[in-house]
C-alpha atoms as a PDB file:
ATOM      1  CA  MET A   1      -3.297  -7.364  13.871  1.00  0.00           C
ATOM      2  CA  LYS A   2      -6.521  -5.675  12.809  1.00  0.00           C
ATOM      3  CA  THR A   3      -7.351  -6.061   9.131  1.00  0.00           C
ATOM      4  CA  VAL A   4      -9.765  -4.479   6.683  1.00  0.00           C
ATOM      5  CA  ILE A   5     -11.468  -6.039   3.695  1.00  0.00           C
ATOM      6  CA  LEU A   6     -11.256  -4.116   0.424  1.00  0.00           C
ATOM      7  CA  PRO A   7     -14.141  -4.083  -2.075  1.00  0.00           C
ATOM      8  CA  SER A   8     -12.205  -6.713  -4.063  1.00  0.00           C
ATOM      9  CA  GLY A   9     -12.435  -9.057  -1.066  1.00  0.00           C
ATOM     10  CA  GLU A  10      -8.713  -8.761  -0.360  1.00  0.00           C
ATOM     11  CA  ARG A  11      -7.900  -8.639   3.361  1.00  0.00           C
ATOM     12  CA  VAL A  12      -5.080  -6.238   4.259  1.00  0.00           C
ATOM     13  CA  PRO A  13      -3.611  -4.949   7.526  1.00  0.00           C
ATOM     14  CA  ALA A  14      -5.299  -1.807   8.850  1.00  0.00           C
ATOM     15  CA  LEU A  15      -1.834  -0.437   9.585  1.00  0.00           C
ATOM     16  CA  GLY A  16       0.925  -0.216   7.010  1.00  0.00           C
ATOM     17  CA  GLN A  17       4.297   1.308   6.288  1.00  0.00           C
ATOM     18  CA  GLY A  18       4.588   4.674   4.560  1.00  0.00           C
ATOM     19  CA  THR A  19       7.613   5.575   2.457  1.00  0.00           C
ATOM     20  CA  TRP A  20       7.137   9.294   1.901  1.00  0.00           C
ATOM     21  CA  ASN A  21      10.390  10.278   3.582  1.00  0.00           C
ATOM     22  CA  ILE A  22      12.709   7.454   2.553  1.00  0.00           C
ATOM     23  CA  GLY A  23      15.246   7.243  -0.222  1.00  0.00           C
ATOM     24  CA  ASP A  24      16.311  10.869   0.084  1.00  0.00           C
ATOM     25  CA  LYS A  25      19.581  10.239   1.943  1.00  0.00           C
ATOM     26  CA  PRO A  26      21.907   7.620   0.440  1.00  0.00           C
ATOM     27  CA  ALA A  27      23.699   7.229   3.791  1.00  0.00           C
ATOM     28  CA  LEU A  28      20.455   5.883   5.305  1.00  0.00           C
ATOM     29  CA  ARG A  29      19.652   3.386   2.514  1.00  0.00           C
ATOM     30  CA  ALA A  30      20.707   0.222   4.385  1.00  0.00           C
ATOM     31  CA  GLU A  31      18.892   1.340   7.549  1.00  0.00           C
ATOM     32  CA  GLU A  32      15.714   2.188   5.629  1.00  0.00           C
ATOM     33  CA  ILE A  33      15.708  -1.196   3.873  1.00  0.00           C
ATOM     34  CA  ALA A  34      16.278  -2.957   7.200  1.00  0.00           C
ATOM     35  CA  THR A  35      13.411  -0.969   8.741  1.00  0.00           C
ATOM     36  CA  LEU A  36      10.988  -1.954   5.969  1.00  0.00           C
ATOM     37  CA  ARG A  37      12.037  -5.598   6.332  1.00  0.00           C
ATOM     38  CA  LEU A  38      11.556  -5.448  10.101  1.00  0.00           C
ATOM     39  CA  GLY A  39       8.081  -4.046   9.518  1.00  0.00           C
ATOM     40  CA  LEU A  40       7.310  -7.025   7.258  1.00  0.00           C
ATOM     41  CA  ASP A  41       8.595  -9.373   9.958  1.00  0.00           C
ATOM     42  CA  LEU A  42       6.211  -7.702  12.419  1.00  0.00           C
ATOM     43  CA  GLY A  43       3.206  -8.097  10.111  1.00  0.00           C
ATOM     44  CA  LEU A  44       3.152  -4.651   8.492  1.00  0.00           C
ATOM     45  CA  THR A  45       2.752  -6.099   5.010  1.00  0.00           C
ATOM     46  CA  LEU A  46       0.919  -3.129   3.487  1.00  0.00           C
ATOM     47  CA  ILE A  47       3.408  -0.621   2.049  1.00  0.00           C
ATOM     48  CA  ASP A  48       2.421   2.781   0.665  1.00  0.00           C
ATOM     49  CA  THR A  49       4.719   4.420  -1.862  1.00  0.00           C
ATOM     50  CA  ALA A  50       4.525   6.763  -4.858  1.00  0.00           C
ATOM     51  CA  GLU A  51       6.700   7.661  -7.795  1.00  0.00           C
ATOM     52  CA  MET A  52       7.077  11.195  -6.447  1.00  0.00           C
ATOM     53  CA  TYR A  53       8.507  10.062  -3.095  1.00  0.00           C
ATOM     54  CA  GLY A  54      12.208  10.814  -3.253  1.00  0.00           C
ATOM     55  CA  ASN A  55      11.892  11.360  -7.017  1.00  0.00           C
ATOM     56  CA  GLY A  56      11.349   7.624  -7.477  1.00  0.00           C
ATOM     57  CA  ARG A  57      14.062   6.521  -5.072  1.00  0.00           C
ATOM     58  CA  ALA A  58      11.503   5.344  -2.481  1.00  0.00           C
ATOM     59  CA  LYS A  59       9.968   2.877  -4.961  1.00  0.00           C
ATOM     60  CA  ASN A  60      13.405   1.522  -5.840  1.00  0.00           C
ATOM     61  CA  LEU A  61      14.231   1.135  -2.158  1.00  0.00           C
ATOM     62  CA  VAL A  62      10.911  -0.665  -1.515  1.00  0.00           C
ATOM     63  CA  GLY A  63      11.662  -3.013  -4.407  1.00  0.00           C
ATOM     64  CA  GLU A  64      14.984  -3.898  -2.857  1.00  0.00           C
ATOM     65  CA  ALA A  65      13.463  -4.301   0.617  1.00  0.00           C
ATOM     66  CA  ILE A  66      10.743  -6.706  -0.539  1.00  0.00           C
ATOM     67  CA  ALA A  67      12.971  -8.783  -2.819  1.00  0.00           C
ATOM     68  CA  GLY A  68      12.156 -12.435  -2.221  1.00  0.00           C
ATOM     69  CA  ARG A  69       9.075 -11.517  -0.180  1.00  0.00           C
ATOM     70  CA  HIS A  70       6.676 -10.314  -2.862  1.00  0.00           C
ATOM     71  CA  GLU A  71       4.042 -12.854  -1.870  1.00  0.00           C
ATOM     72  CA  GLU A  72       3.687 -11.197   1.548  1.00  0.00           C
ATOM     73  CA  VAL A  73       3.340  -7.595   0.384  1.00  0.00           C
ATOM     74  CA  PHE A  74       0.294  -5.536  -0.531  1.00  0.00           C
ATOM     75  CA  LEU A  75       1.640  -2.431  -2.264  1.00  0.00           C
ATOM     76  CA  VAL A  76      -0.350   0.794  -2.410  1.00  0.00           C
ATOM     77  CA  SER A  77       0.938   3.269  -4.975  1.00  0.00           C
ATOM     78  CA  ASP A  78      -0.030   6.681  -6.343  1.00  0.00           C
ATOM     79  CA  GLY A  79       0.771   8.141  -9.709  1.00  0.00           C
ATOM     80  CA  SER A  80       2.462  11.507  -9.736  1.00  0.00           C
ATOM     81  CA  PRO A  81       0.579  14.620 -10.812  1.00  0.00           C
ATOM     82  CA  ARG A  82       2.173  16.256 -13.849  1.00  0.00           C
ATOM     83  CA  ILE A  83       2.296  20.018 -13.991  1.00  0.00           C
ATOM     84  CA  ASN A  84       1.254  21.523 -17.330  1.00  0.00           C
ATOM     85  CA  PRO A  85       3.981  24.065 -18.202  1.00  0.00           C
ATOM     86  CA  GLY A  86       1.599  26.066 -20.456  1.00  0.00           C
ATOM     87  CA  ALA A  87      -1.163  26.298 -17.869  1.00  0.00           C
ATOM     88  CA  SER A  88      -2.370  29.652 -16.625  1.00  0.00           C
ATOM     89  CA  THR A  89      -1.818  28.466 -13.055  1.00  0.00           C
ATOM     90  CA  VAL A  90       0.981  26.316 -11.723  1.00  0.00           C
ATOM     91  CA  PHE A  91      -1.496  23.888 -10.164  1.00  0.00           C
ATOM     92  CA  GLN A  92      -3.281  22.792 -13.349  1.00  0.00           C
ATOM     93  CA  LEU A  93      -2.512  19.132 -13.986  1.00  0.00           C
ATOM     94  CA  THR A  94      -2.084  17.479 -17.360  1.00  0.00           C
ATOM     95  CA  HIS A  95      -3.091  14.095 -15.939  1.00  0.00           C
ATOM     96  CA  TYR A  96      -3.384  12.254 -12.664  1.00  0.00           C
ATOM     97  CA  HIS A  97      -3.423   8.551 -11.997  1.00  0.00           C
ATOM     98  CA  PRO A  98      -5.586   7.572  -8.993  1.00  0.00           C
ATOM     99  CA  SER A  99      -4.257   5.242  -6.333  1.00  0.00           C
ATOM    100  CA  VAL A 100      -4.007   1.625  -7.262  1.00  0.00           C
ATOM    101  CA  PHE A 101      -3.842  -1.421  -5.063  1.00  0.00           C
ATOM    102  CA  ILE A 102      -1.705  -4.270  -6.280  1.00  0.00           C
ATOM    103  CA  ARG A 103      -0.568  -7.563  -4.852  1.00  0.00           C
ATOM    104  CA  VAL A 104       3.106  -7.945  -5.764  1.00  0.00           C
END
């Protein structure tokens, strides 16, 4: 599998697993966990998630999927923009956390 080297020197797969659309349907939970685990088995050890995906359910699902396999995973996560209720426009943010890369 092709890899890239981050400025930190960490080597990660060029292709990873995204979790934007998981965790929304409880009936699919077992299948989504199994899919993430299969991806790990196939070498897709970079997983992208964010607290806003599924209102936090995606991160919980990822945590369950990688249980016992933390050493293999490179997790990419975004913070969620917070809307300022007193702002003159709905898009003004009170704060934003940039993406972070963490080895779990």
